[in-house]
């Protein structure tokens, strides 16, 4: 079941945007659109970092800032065509290790033998 208020928001998939993506994408919105997002946020999740981003942008718009060009429908940063694969090079990766000498849950340790003090 979808929320009609969520479907009408100016940013598609708003609930799943990371803070960095929200900060960049909210710049393309008008004062009324930011107010709409802020009202939705306060009545739903009311996440403090998100309300701070929206309130800051709303203050900027009310102080005379203009919406910048941008595409509110652009890909989210985590879905972009950026880097793929591990950012760690083989030279910087951790060395392989052996299980501890006392064994692992699937491989019990072997007794060391009879150790008596002289």
PDB file of N, CA and C in Angstrom:
ATOM      1  N   UNK A   1       0.855  -1.182   0.000  1.00  0.00           N
ATOM      2  CA  UNK A   1       0.000   0.000   0.000  1.00  0.00           C
ATOM      3  C   UNK A   1       0.898   1.243   0.000  1.00  0.00           C
ATOM      4  N   UNK A   2       0.691   2.118  -0.914  1.00  0.00           N
ATOM      5  CA  UNK A   2       1.519   3.312  -0.999  1.00  0.00           C
ATOM      6  C   UNK A   2       0.797   4.485  -0.348  1.00  0.00           C
ATOM      7  N   UNK A   3       1.590   5.409   0.131  1.00  0.00           N
ATOM      8  CA  UNK A   3       1.086   6.616   0.766  1.00  0.00           C
ATOM      9  C   UNK A   3       0.887   7.671  -0.324  1.00  0.00           C
ATOM     10  N   UNK A   4      -0.348   8.169  -0.520  1.00  0.00           N
ATOM     11  CA  UNK A   4      -0.580   9.172  -1.571  1.00  0.00           C
ATOM     12  C   UNK A   4       0.263  10.431  -1.365  1.00  0.00           C
ATOM     13  N   UNK A   5       0.483  10.822  -0.114  1.00  0.00           N
ATOM     14  CA  UNK A   5       1.303  12.013   0.147  1.00  0.00           C
ATOM     15  C   UNK A   5       2.734  11.774  -0.329  1.00  0.00           C
ATOM     16  N   UNK A   6       3.238  10.565  -0.133  1.00  0.00           N
ATOM     17  CA  UNK A   6       4.608  10.234  -0.555  1.00  0.00           C
ATOM     18  C   UNK A   6       4.716  10.243  -2.074  1.00  0.00           C
ATOM     19  N   UNK A   7       3.689   9.753  -2.751  1.00  0.00           N
ATOM     20  CA  UNK A   7       3.708   9.692  -4.222  1.00  0.00           C
ATOM     21  C   UNK A   7       3.667  11.074  -4.863  1.00  0.00           C
ATOM     22  N   UNK A   8       3.183  12.072  -4.129  1.00  0.00           N
ATOM     23  CA  UNK A   8       3.061  13.425  -4.682  1.00  0.00           C
ATOM     24  C   UNK A   8       4.243  14.323  -4.321  1.00  0.00           C
ATOM     25  N   UNK A   9       5.237  13.796  -3.639  1.00  0.00           N
ATOM     26  CA  UNK A   9       6.380  14.626  -3.228  1.00  0.00           C
ATOM     27  C   UNK A   9       7.188  15.095  -4.431  1.00  0.00           C
ATOM     28  N   UNK A  10       7.836  16.271  -4.318  1.00  0.00           N
ATOM     29  CA  UNK A  10       8.605  16.804  -5.445  1.00  0.00           C
ATOM     30  C   UNK A  10       9.881  16.017  -5.765  1.00  0.00           C
ATOM     31  N   UNK A  11      10.370  15.192  -4.826  1.00  0.00           N
ATOM     32  CA  UNK A  11      11.541  14.360  -5.096  1.00  0.00           C
ATOM     33  C   UNK A  11      11.123  12.893  -5.111  1.00  0.00           C
ATOM     34  N   UNK A  12      11.284  12.239  -6.253  1.00  0.00           N
ATOM     35  CA  UNK A  12      10.938  10.827  -6.297  1.00  0.00           C
ATOM     36  C   UNK A  12      11.837  10.028  -5.350  1.00  0.00           C
ATOM     37  N   UNK A  13      11.258   9.057  -4.701  1.00  0.00           N
ATOM     38  CA  UNK A  13      11.997   8.173  -3.796  1.00  0.00           C
ATOM     39  C   UNK A  13      12.664   8.947  -2.662  1.00  0.00           C
ATOM     40  N   UNK A  14      12.013  10.003  -2.216  1.00  0.00           N
ATOM     41  CA  UNK A  14      12.543  10.890  -1.173  1.00  0.00           C
ATOM     42  C   UNK A  14      12.964  10.130   0.083  1.00  0.00           C
ATOM     43  N   UNK A  15      12.147   9.178   0.512  1.00  0.00           N
ATOM     44  CA  UNK A  15      12.416   8.454   1.756  1.00  0.00           C
ATOM     45  C   UNK A  15      13.717   7.656   1.730  1.00  0.00           C
ATOM     46  N   UNK A  16      14.231   7.374   0.556  1.00  0.00           N
ATOM     47  CA  UNK A  16      15.423   6.537   0.445  1.00  0.00           C
ATOM     48  C   UNK A  16      16.687   7.318   0.071  1.00  0.00           C
ATOM     49  N   UNK A  17      16.591   8.622   0.004  1.00  0.00           N
ATOM     50  CA  UNK A  17      17.767   9.428  -0.349  1.00  0.00           C
ATOM     51  C   UNK A  17      18.712   9.530   0.842  1.00  0.00           C
ATOM     52  N   UNK A  18      20.013   9.335   0.625  1.00  0.00           N
ATOM     53  CA  UNK A  18      20.964   9.614   1.699  1.00  0.00           C
ATOM     54  C   UNK A  18      21.068  11.128   1.893  1.00  0.00           C
ATOM     55  N   UNK A  19      21.564  11.540   3.048  1.00  0.00           N
ATOM     56  CA  UNK A  19      21.650  12.978   3.361  1.00  0.00           C
ATOM     57  C   UNK A  19      22.420  13.733   2.281  1.00  0.00           C
ATOM     58  N   UNK A  20      23.536  13.190   1.813  1.00  0.00           N
ATOM     59  CA  UNK A  20      24.319  13.868   0.770  1.00  0.00           C
ATOM     60  C   UNK A  20      23.515  14.055  -0.505  1.00  0.00           C
ATOM     61  N   UNK A  21      22.749  13.045  -0.894  1.00  0.00           N
ATOM     62  CA  UNK A  21      21.908  13.152  -2.088  1.00  0.00           C
ATOM     63  C   UNK A  21      20.793  14.156  -1.890  1.00  0.00           C
ATOM     64  N   UNK A  22      20.242  14.188  -0.686  1.00  0.00           N
ATOM     65  CA  UNK A  22      19.171  15.139  -0.390  1.00  0.00           C
ATOM     66  C   UNK A  22      19.702  16.573  -0.435  1.00  0.00           C
ATOM     67  N   UNK A  23      20.878  16.794   0.154  1.00  0.00           N
ATOM     68  CA  UNK A  23      21.454  18.138   0.164  1.00  0.00           C
ATOM     69  C   UNK A  23      21.659  18.677  -1.239  1.00  0.00           C
ATOM     70  N   UNK A  24      22.124  17.841  -2.146  1.00  0.00           N
ATOM     71  CA  UNK A  24      22.373  18.337  -3.503  1.00  0.00           C
ATOM     72  C   UNK A  24      21.081  18.467  -4.299  1.00  0.00           C
ATOM     73  N   UNK A  25      20.146  17.559  -4.106  1.00  0.00           N
ATOM     74  CA  UNK A  25      18.925  17.591  -4.926  1.00  0.00           C
ATOM     75  C   UNK A  25      17.910  18.611  -4.453  1.00  0.00           C
ATOM     76  N   UNK A  26      17.931  18.960  -3.162  1.00  0.00           N
ATOM     77  CA  UNK A  26      16.964  19.922  -2.641  1.00  0.00           C
ATOM     78  C   UNK A  26      17.248  21.328  -3.175  1.00  0.00           C
ATOM     79  N   UNK A  27      18.446  21.547  -3.693  1.00  0.00           N
ATOM     80  CA  UNK A  27      18.810  22.867  -4.227  1.00  0.00           C
ATOM     81  C   UNK A  27      18.006  23.239  -5.480  1.00  0.00           C
ATOM     82  N   UNK A  28      17.452  22.251  -6.148  1.00  0.00           N
ATOM     83  CA  UNK A  28      16.690  22.547  -7.367  1.00  0.00           C
ATOM     84  C   UNK A  28      15.218  22.854  -7.075  1.00  0.00           C
ATOM     85  N   UNK A  29      14.819  22.768  -5.806  1.00  0.00           N
ATOM     86  CA  UNK A  29      13.405  22.935  -5.458  1.00  0.00           C
ATOM     87  C   UNK A  29      13.064  24.367  -5.081  1.00  0.00           C
ATOM     88  N   UNK A  30      11.801  24.711  -5.268  1.00  0.00           N
ATOM     89  CA  UNK A  30      11.302  26.034  -4.892  1.00  0.00           C
ATOM     90  C   UNK A  30      10.988  26.045  -3.393  1.00  0.00           C
ATOM     91  N   UNK A  31      10.666  27.233  -2.884  1.00  0.00           N
ATOM     92  CA  UNK A  31      10.314  27.376  -1.472  1.00  0.00           C
ATOM     93  C   UNK A  31       9.122  26.493  -1.122  1.00  0.00           C
ATOM     94  N   UNK A  32       8.092  26.512  -1.951  1.00  0.00           N
ATOM     95  CA  UNK A  32       6.893  25.712  -1.681  1.00  0.00           C
ATOM     96  C   UNK A  32       7.209  24.215  -1.668  1.00  0.00           C
ATOM     97  N   UNK A  33       8.085  23.769  -2.557  1.00  0.00           N
ATOM     98  CA  UNK A  33       8.435  22.348  -2.610  1.00  0.00           C
ATOM     99  C   UNK A  33       9.242  21.913  -1.379  1.00  0.00           C
ATOM    100  N   UNK A  34      10.159  22.778  -0.932  1.00  0.00           N
ATOM    101  CA  UNK A  34      10.931  22.467   0.279  1.00  0.00           C
ATOM    102  C   UNK A  34       9.999  22.455   1.492  1.00  0.00           C
ATOM    103  N   UNK A  35       9.059  23.398   1.545  1.00  0.00           N
ATOM    104  CA  UNK A  35       8.085  23.419   2.638  1.00  0.00           C
ATOM    105  C   UNK A  35       7.255  22.136   2.642  1.00  0.00           C
ATOM    106  N   UNK A  36       6.891  21.663   1.465  1.00  0.00           N
ATOM    107  CA  UNK A  36       6.122  20.418   1.350  1.00  0.00           C
ATOM    108  C   UNK A  36       6.926  19.226   1.878  1.00  0.00           C
ATOM    109  N   UNK A  37       8.200  19.149   1.509  1.00  0.00           N
ATOM    110  CA  UNK A  37       9.058  18.073   2.007  1.00  0.00           C
ATOM    111  C   UNK A  37       9.226  18.156   3.522  1.00  0.00           C
ATOM    112  N   UNK A  38       9.400  19.369   4.041  1.00  0.00           N
ATOM    113  CA  UNK A  38       9.587  19.552   5.470  1.00  0.00           C
ATOM    114  C   UNK A  38       8.334  19.136   6.243  1.00  0.00           C
ATOM    115  N   UNK A  39       7.176  19.501   5.745  1.00  0.00           N
ATOM    116  CA  UNK A  39       5.925  19.101   6.397  1.00  0.00           C
ATOM    117  C   UNK A  39       5.763  17.582   6.367  1.00  0.00           C
ATOM    118  N   UNK A  40       6.086  16.964   5.241  1.00  0.00           N
ATOM    119  CA  UNK A  40       6.014  15.504   5.126  1.00  0.00           C
ATOM    120  C   UNK A  40       6.981  14.849   6.108  1.00  0.00           C
ATOM    121  N   UNK A  41       8.201  15.359   6.174  1.00  0.00           N
ATOM    122  CA  UNK A  41       9.215  14.782   7.066  1.00  0.00           C
ATOM    123  C   UNK A  41       8.776  14.879   8.520  1.00  0.00           C
ATOM    124  N   UNK A  42       8.255  16.017   8.914  1.00  0.00           N
ATOM    125  CA  UNK A  42       7.845  16.207  10.317  1.00  0.00           C
ATOM    126  C   UNK A  42       6.671  15.318  10.694  1.00  0.00           C
ATOM    127  N   UNK A  43       5.793  14.983   9.759  1.00  0.00           N
ATOM    128  CA  UNK A  43       4.646  14.138  10.088  1.00  0.00           C
ATOM    129  C   UNK A  43       4.928  12.648   9.899  1.00  0.00           C
ATOM    130  N   UNK A  44       6.069  12.314   9.335  1.00  0.00           N
ATOM    131  CA  UNK A  44       6.377  10.900   9.106  1.00  0.00           C
ATOM    132  C   UNK A  44       7.580  10.470   9.948  1.00  0.00           C
ATOM    133  N   UNK A  45       8.761  10.536   9.441  1.00  0.00           N
ATOM    134  CA  UNK A  45       9.937  10.023  10.148  1.00  0.00           C
ATOM    135  C   UNK A  45      10.509  11.035  11.142  1.00  0.00           C
ATOM    136  N   UNK A  46      10.420  12.328  10.835  1.00  0.00           N
ATOM    137  CA  UNK A  46      10.937  13.406  11.671  1.00  0.00           C
ATOM    138  C   UNK A  46      12.395  13.172  12.070  1.00  0.00           C
ATOM    139  N   UNK A  47      13.220  12.910  11.050  1.00  0.00           N
ATOM    140  CA  UNK A  47      14.653  12.681  11.271  1.00  0.00           C
ATOM    141  C   UNK A  47      15.347  14.028  11.406  1.00  0.00           C
ATOM    142  N   UNK A  48      16.050  14.204  12.516  1.00  0.00           N
ATOM    143  CA  UNK A  48      16.686  15.492  12.815  1.00  0.00           C
ATOM    144  C   UNK A  48      17.654  15.942  11.718  1.00  0.00           C
ATOM    145  N   UNK A  49      18.575  15.085  11.225  1.00  0.00           N
ATOM    146  CA  UNK A  49      19.491  15.565  10.172  1.00  0.00           C
ATOM    147  C   UNK A  49      18.746  16.022   8.911  1.00  0.00           C
ATOM    148  N   UNK A  50      17.661  15.345   8.585  1.00  0.00           N
ATOM    149  CA  UNK A  50      16.889  15.698   7.382  1.00  0.00           C
ATOM    150  C   UNK A  50      16.155  17.012   7.590  1.00  0.00           C
ATOM    151  N   UNK A  51      15.527  17.177   8.754  1.00  0.00           N
ATOM    152  CA  UNK A  51      14.826  18.442   9.002  1.00  0.00           C
ATOM    153  C   UNK A  51      15.806  19.610   9.047  1.00  0.00           C
ATOM    154  N   UNK A  52      17.028  19.372   9.534  1.00  0.00           N
ATOM    155  CA  UNK A  52      18.036  20.441   9.533  1.00  0.00           C
ATOM    156  C   UNK A  52      18.425  20.835   8.112  1.00  0.00           C
ATOM    157  N   UNK A  53      18.605  19.853   7.231  1.00  0.00           N
ATOM    158  CA  UNK A  53      18.947  20.147   5.829  1.00  0.00           C
ATOM    159  C   UNK A  53      17.823  20.946   5.177  1.00  0.00           C
ATOM    160  N   UNK A  54      16.592  20.499   5.381  1.00  0.00           N
ATOM    161  CA  UNK A  54      15.451  21.175   4.752  1.00  0.00           C
ATOM    162  C   UNK A  54      15.240  22.569   5.332  1.00  0.00           C
ATOM    163  N   UNK A  55      15.376  22.713   6.645  1.00  0.00           N
ATOM    164  CA  UNK A  55      15.200  24.023   7.272  1.00  0.00           C
ATOM    165  C   UNK A  55      16.276  24.998   6.818  1.00  0.00           C
ATOM    166  N   UNK A  56      17.509  24.510   6.723  1.00  0.00           N
ATOM    167  CA  UNK A  56      18.604  25.367   6.249  1.00  0.00           C
ATOM    168  C   UNK A  56      18.341  25.842   4.827  1.00  0.00           C
ATOM    169  N   UNK A  57      17.913  24.919   3.959  1.00  0.00           N
ATOM    170  CA  UNK A  57      17.635  25.301   2.571  1.00  0.00           C
ATOM    171  C   UNK A  57      16.455  26.263   2.498  1.00  0.00           C
ATOM    172  N   UNK A  58      15.448  26.044   3.320  1.00  0.00           N
ATOM    173  CA  UNK A  58      14.289  26.929   3.343  1.00  0.00           C
ATOM    174  C   UNK A  58      14.702  28.337   3.783  1.00  0.00           C
ATOM    175  N   UNK A  59      15.561  28.422   4.783  1.00  0.00           N
ATOM    176  CA  UNK A  59      16.074  29.727   5.229  1.00  0.00           C
ATOM    177  C   UNK A  59      16.844  30.419   4.101  1.00  0.00           C
ATOM    178  N   UNK A  60      17.641  29.652   3.367  1.00  0.00           N
ATOM    179  CA  UNK A  60      18.401  30.222   2.245  1.00  0.00           C
ATOM    180  C   UNK A  60      17.460  30.770   1.182  1.00  0.00           C
ATOM    181  N   UNK A  61      16.418  30.020   0.862  1.00  0.00           N
ATOM    182  CA  UNK A  61      15.466  30.465  -0.159  1.00  0.00           C
ATOM    183  C   UNK A  61      14.719  31.718   0.295  1.00  0.00           C
ATOM    184  N   UNK A  62      14.335  31.750   1.550  1.00  0.00           N
ATOM    185  CA  UNK A  62      13.622  32.912   2.077  1.00  0.00           C
ATOM    186  C   UNK A  62      14.523  34.139   2.154  1.00  0.00           C
ATOM    187  N   UNK A  63      15.837  33.916   2.239  1.00  0.00           N
ATOM    188  CA  UNK A  63      16.795  35.028   2.282  1.00  0.00           C
ATOM    189  C   UNK A  63      17.161  35.512   0.889  1.00  0.00           C
ATOM    190  N   UNK A  64      16.582  34.906  -0.149  1.00  0.00           N
ATOM    191  CA  UNK A  64      16.815  35.383  -1.504  1.00  0.00           C
ATOM    192  C   UNK A  64      17.543  34.423  -2.418  1.00  0.00           C
ATOM    193  N   UNK A  65      17.946  33.272  -1.920  1.00  0.00           N
ATOM    194  CA  UNK A  65      18.619  32.298  -2.786  1.00  0.00           C
ATOM    195  C   UNK A  65      17.639  31.801  -3.848  1.00  0.00           C
ATOM    196  N   UNK A  66      18.166  31.510  -4.981  1.00  0.00           N
ATOM    197  CA  UNK A  66      17.354  30.994  -6.088  1.00  0.00           C
ATOM    198  C   UNK A  66      17.613  29.502  -6.245  1.00  0.00           C
ATOM    199  N   UNK A  67      16.590  28.748  -6.628  1.00  0.00           N
ATOM    200  CA  UNK A  67      16.839  27.334  -6.933  1.00  0.00           C
ATOM    201  C   UNK A  67      17.848  27.223  -8.066  1.00  0.00           C
ATOM    202  N   UNK A  68      18.794  26.313  -7.918  1.00  0.00           N
ATOM    203  CA  UNK A  68      19.798  26.112  -8.953  1.00  0.00           C
ATOM    204  C   UNK A  68      19.277  25.107  -9.958  1.00  0.00           C
ATOM    205  N   UNK A  69      19.902  25.090 -11.116  1.00  0.00           N
ATOM    206  CA  UNK A  69      19.464  24.108 -12.102  1.00  0.00           C
ATOM    207  C   UNK A  69      19.845  22.733 -11.581  1.00  0.00           C
ATOM    208  N   UNK A  70      19.029  21.816 -11.829  1.00  0.00           N
ATOM    209  CA  UNK A  70      19.266  20.458 -11.368  1.00  0.00           C
ATOM    210  C   UNK A  70      18.098  19.601 -11.755  1.00  0.00           C
ATOM    211  N   UNK A  71      18.294  18.346 -11.683  1.00  0.00           N
ATOM    212  CA  UNK A  71      17.248  17.409 -12.060  1.00  0.00           C
ATOM    213  C   UNK A  71      16.806  16.647 -10.828  1.00  0.00           C
ATOM    214  N   UNK A  72      15.621  16.958 -10.288  1.00  0.00           N
ATOM    215  CA  UNK A  72      15.175  16.234  -9.112  1.00  0.00           C
ATOM    216  C   UNK A  72      14.970  14.748  -9.380  1.00  0.00           C
ATOM    217  N   UNK A  73      14.906  14.360 -10.614  1.00  0.00           N
ATOM    218  CA  UNK A  73      14.742  12.948 -10.952  1.00  0.00           C
ATOM    219  C   UNK A  73      16.050  12.247 -11.238  1.00  0.00           C
ATOM    220  N   UNK A  74      17.172  12.929 -11.012  1.00  0.00           N
ATOM    221  CA  UNK A  74      18.480  12.332 -11.301  1.00  0.00           C
ATOM    222  C   UNK A  74      18.700  11.098 -10.441  1.00  0.00           C
ATOM    223  N   UNK A  75      19.608  10.270 -10.885  1.00  0.00           N
ATOM    224  CA  UNK A  75      19.926   9.071 -10.126  1.00  0.00           C
ATOM    225  C   UNK A  75      20.419   9.426  -8.737  1.00  0.00           C
ATOM    226  N   UNK A  76      20.101   8.595  -7.792  1.00  0.00           N
ATOM    227  CA  UNK A  76      20.623   8.782  -6.456  1.00  0.00           C
ATOM    228  C   UNK A  76      22.106   8.478  -6.492  1.00  0.00           C
ATOM    229  N   UNK A  77      22.897   9.125  -5.638  1.00  0.00           N
ATOM    230  CA  UNK A  77      24.353   8.904  -5.659  1.00  0.00           C
ATOM    231  C   UNK A  77      24.735   7.444  -5.519  1.00  0.00           C
ATOM    232  N   UNK A  78      24.019   6.680  -4.702  1.00  0.00           N
ATOM    233  CA  UNK A  78      24.381   5.283  -4.510  1.00  0.00           C
ATOM    234  C   UNK A  78      24.023   4.406  -5.704  1.00  0.00           C
ATOM    235  N   UNK A  79      23.268   4.939  -6.685  1.00  0.00           N
ATOM    236  CA  UNK A  79      22.919   4.174  -7.871  1.00  0.00           C
ATOM    237  C   UNK A  79      23.667   4.668  -9.099  1.00  0.00           C
ATOM    238  N   UNK A  80      24.566   5.593  -8.917  1.00  0.00           N
ATOM    239  CA  UNK A  80      25.273   6.195 -10.042  1.00  0.00           C
ATOM    240  C   UNK A  80      26.211   5.226 -10.740  1.00  0.00           C
ATOM    241  N   UNK A  81      26.813   5.712 -11.774  1.00  0.00           N
ATOM    242  CA  UNK A  81      27.738   4.921 -12.578  1.00  0.00           C
ATOM    243  C   UNK A  81      29.168   5.105 -12.103  1.00  0.00           C
ATOM    244  N   UNK A  82      29.366   5.353 -10.825  1.00  0.00           N
ATOM    245  CA  UNK A  82      30.689   5.624 -10.278  1.00  0.00           C
ATOM    246  C   UNK A  82      31.574   4.394 -10.251  1.00  0.00           C
ATOM    247  N   UNK A  83      32.443   4.367  -9.255  1.00  0.00           N
ATOM    248  CA  UNK A  83      33.401   3.281  -9.121  1.00  0.00           C
ATOM    249  C   UNK A  83      32.688   1.954  -8.929  1.00  0.00           C
ATOM    250  N   UNK A  84      33.341   0.931  -9.384  1.00  0.00           N
ATOM    251  CA  UNK A  84      32.834  -0.418  -9.175  1.00  0.00           C
ATOM    252  C   UNK A  84      33.974  -1.249  -8.633  1.00  0.00           C
ATOM    253  N   UNK A  85      33.641  -2.247  -7.864  1.00  0.00           N
ATOM    254  CA  UNK A  85      34.657  -3.116  -7.314  1.00  0.00           C
ATOM    255  C   UNK A  85      35.233  -2.550  -6.032  1.00  0.00           C
ATOM    256  N   UNK A  86      36.220  -3.228  -5.532  1.00  0.00           N
ATOM    257  CA  UNK A  86      36.826  -2.854  -4.266  1.00  0.00           C
ATOM    258  C   UNK A  86      37.783  -1.680  -4.449  1.00  0.00           C
ATOM    259  N   UNK A  87      37.711  -0.681  -3.547  1.00  0.00           N
ATOM    260  CA  UNK A  87      38.658   0.426  -3.633  1.00  0.00           C
ATOM    261  C   UNK A  87      40.026   0.055  -3.045  1.00  0.00           C
ATOM    262  N   UNK A  88      40.135  -1.147  -2.487  1.00  0.00           N
ATOM    263  CA  UNK A  88      41.396  -1.576  -1.878  1.00  0.00           C
ATOM    264  C   UNK A  88      42.229  -2.318  -2.910  1.00  0.00           C
ATOM    265  N   UNK A  89      43.491  -1.927  -3.027  1.00  0.00           N
ATOM    266  CA  UNK A  89      44.379  -2.618  -3.959  1.00  0.00           C
ATOM    267  C   UNK A  89      44.904  -3.884  -3.292  1.00  0.00           C
ATOM    268  N   UNK A  90      45.313  -4.875  -4.069  1.00  0.00           N
ATOM    269  CA  UNK A  90      45.852  -6.093  -3.456  1.00  0.00           C
ATOM    270  C   UNK A  90      47.050  -5.804  -2.546  1.00  0.00           C
ATOM    271  N   UNK A  91      47.845  -4.794  -2.872  1.00  0.00           N
ATOM    272  CA  UNK A  91      49.011  -4.475  -2.046  1.00  0.00           C
ATOM    273  C   UNK A  91      48.603  -3.924  -0.681  1.00  0.00           C
ATOM    274  N   UNK A  92      47.449  -3.278  -0.596  1.00  0.00           N
ATOM    275  CA  UNK A  92      47.015  -2.677   0.656  1.00  0.00           C
ATOM    276  C   UNK A  92      46.013  -3.535   1.415  1.00  0.00           C
ATOM    277  N   UNK A  93      45.640  -4.672   0.860  1.00  0.00           N
ATOM    278  CA  UNK A  93      44.648  -5.507   1.534  1.00  0.00           C
ATOM    279  C   UNK A  93      45.284  -6.262   2.696  1.00  0.00           C
ATOM    280  N   UNK A  94      44.445  -6.767   3.563  1.00  0.00           N
ATOM    281  CA  UNK A  94      44.930  -7.493   4.739  1.00  0.00           C
ATOM    282  C   UNK A  94      45.564  -8.813   4.320  1.00  0.00           C
ATOM    283  N   UNK A  95      46.517  -9.257   5.143  1.00  0.00           N
ATOM    284  CA  UNK A  95      47.162 -10.536   4.876  1.00  0.00           C
ATOM    285  C   UNK A  95      46.219 -11.671   5.263  1.00  0.00           C
ATOM    286  N   UNK A  96      46.260 -12.771   4.514  1.00  0.00           N
ATOM    287  CA  UNK A  96      45.422 -13.900   4.904  1.00  0.00           C
ATOM    288  C   UNK A  96      45.885 -14.421   6.267  1.00  0.00           C
ATOM    289  N   UNK A  97      44.972 -14.986   7.007  1.00  0.00           N
ATOM    290  CA  UNK A  97      45.343 -15.471   8.329  1.00  0.00           C
ATOM    291  C   UNK A  97      44.820 -16.886   8.532  1.00  0.00           C
ATOM    292  N   UNK A  98      45.466 -17.574   9.428  1.00  0.00           N
ATOM    293  CA  UNK A  98      45.056 -18.928   9.785  1.00  0.00           C
ATOM    294  C   UNK A  98      44.133 -18.849  10.990  1.00  0.00           C
ATOM    295  N   UNK A  99      43.312 -19.868  11.172  1.00  0.00           N
ATOM    296  CA  UNK A  99      42.452 -19.847  12.354  1.00  0.00           C
ATOM    297  C   UNK A  99      43.303 -19.901  13.622  1.00  0.00           C
ATOM    298  N   UNK A 100      42.784 -19.447  14.716  1.00  0.00           N
ATOM    299  CA  UNK A 100      43.558 -19.466  15.952  1.00  0.00           C
ATOM    300  C   UNK A 100      43.948 -20.898  16.323  1.00  0.00           C
ATOM    301  N   UNK A 101      45.036 -21.076  17.095  1.00  0.00           N
ATOM    302  CA  UNK A 101      45.528 -22.411  17.392  1.00  0.00           C
ATOM    303  C   UNK A 101      44.566 -23.250  18.229  1.00  0.00           C
ATOM    304  N   UNK A 102      43.631 -22.627  18.918  1.00  0.00           N
ATOM    305  CA  UNK A 102      42.701 -23.396  19.738  1.00  0.00           C
ATOM    306  C   UNK A 102      41.537 -23.942  18.931  1.00  0.00           C
ATOM    307  N   UNK A 103      41.506 -23.690  17.654  1.00  0.00           N
ATOM    308  CA  UNK A 103      40.468 -24.237  16.787  1.00  0.00           C
ATOM    309  C   UNK A 103      39.343 -23.262  16.536  1.00  0.00           C
ATOM    310  N   UNK A 104      38.459 -23.648  15.669  1.00  0.00           N
ATOM    311  CA  UNK A 104      37.277 -22.866  15.354  1.00  0.00           C
ATOM    312  C   UNK A 104      36.076 -23.742  15.643  1.00  0.00           C
ATOM    313  N   UNK A 105      34.854 -23.198  15.643  1.00  0.00           N
ATOM    314  CA  UNK A 105      33.684 -24.036  15.947  1.00  0.00           C
ATOM    315  C   UNK A 105      33.569 -25.267  15.041  1.00  0.00           C
ATOM    316  N   UNK A 106      34.001 -25.152  13.802  1.00  0.00           N
ATOM    317  CA  UNK A 106      33.887 -26.302  12.908  1.00  0.00           C
ATOM    318  C   UNK A 106      35.168 -27.139  12.868  1.00  0.00           C
ATOM    319  N   UNK A 107      36.213 -26.727  13.575  1.00  0.00           N
ATOM    320  CA  UNK A 107      37.473 -27.469  13.592  1.00  0.00           C
ATOM    321  C   UNK A 107      38.042 -27.361  15.004  1.00  0.00           C
ATOM    322  N   UNK A 108      37.851 -28.400  15.768  1.00  0.00           N
ATOM    323  CA  UNK A 108      38.304 -28.388  17.153  1.00  0.00           C
ATOM    324  C   UNK A 108      39.829 -28.427  17.237  1.00  0.00           C
ATOM    325  N   UNK A 109      40.365 -27.792  18.270  1.00  0.00           N
ATOM    326  CA  UNK A 109      41.807 -27.805  18.492  1.00  0.00           C
ATOM    327  C   UNK A 109      42.291 -29.185  18.927  1.00  0.00           C
ATOM    328  N   UNK A 110      43.543 -29.441  18.718  1.00  0.00           N
ATOM    329  CA  UNK A 110      44.133 -30.713  19.137  1.00  0.00           C
ATOM    330  C   UNK A 110      44.830 -30.528  20.480  1.00  0.00           C
ATOM    331  N   UNK A 111      44.795 -31.549  21.325  1.00  0.00           N
ATOM    332  CA  UNK A 111      45.505 -31.425  22.602  1.00  0.00           C
ATOM    333  C   UNK A 111      46.999 -31.263  22.374  1.00  0.00           C
ATOM    334  N   UNK A 112      47.650 -30.526  23.219  1.00  0.00           N
ATOM    335  CA  UNK A 112      49.073 -30.277  23.087  1.00  0.00           C
ATOM    336  C   UNK A 112      49.902 -31.409  23.695  1.00  0.00           C
ATOM    337  N   UNK A 113      49.283 -32.304  24.366  1.00  0.00           N
ATOM    338  CA  UNK A 113      50.019 -33.382  25.007  1.00  0.00           C
ATOM    339  C   UNK A 113      50.090 -33.151  26.508  1.00  0.00           C
ATOM    340  N   UNK A 114      50.784 -34.000  27.183  1.00  0.00           N
ATOM    341  CA  UNK A 114      50.879 -33.911  28.629  1.00  0.00           C
ATOM    342  C   UNK A 114      51.991 -32.925  28.989  1.00  0.00           C
ATOM    343  N   UNK A 115      51.624 -31.813  29.590  1.00  0.00           N
ATOM    344  CA  UNK A 115      52.597 -30.792  29.971  1.00  0.00           C
ATOM    345  C   UNK A 115      52.674 -30.749  31.500  1.00  0.00           C
ATOM    346  N   UNK A 116      53.696 -31.316  32.040  1.00  0.00           N
ATOM    347  CA  UNK A 116      53.871 -31.291  33.485  1.00  0.00           C
ATOM    348  C   UNK A 116      55.051 -30.400  33.847  1.00  0.00           C
ATOM    349  N   UNK A 117      54.901 -29.730  34.929  1.00  0.00           N
ATOM    350  CA  UNK A 117      55.994 -28.911  35.441  1.00  0.00           C
ATOM    351  C   UNK A 117      57.005 -29.827  36.118  1.00  0.00           C
ATOM    352  N   UNK A 118      58.346 -29.617  35.944  1.00  0.00           N
ATOM    353  CA  UNK A 118      59.342 -30.488  36.601  1.00  0.00           C
ATOM    354  C   UNK A 118      59.468 -30.225  38.072  1.00  0.00           C
TER     355      UNK A 118
END
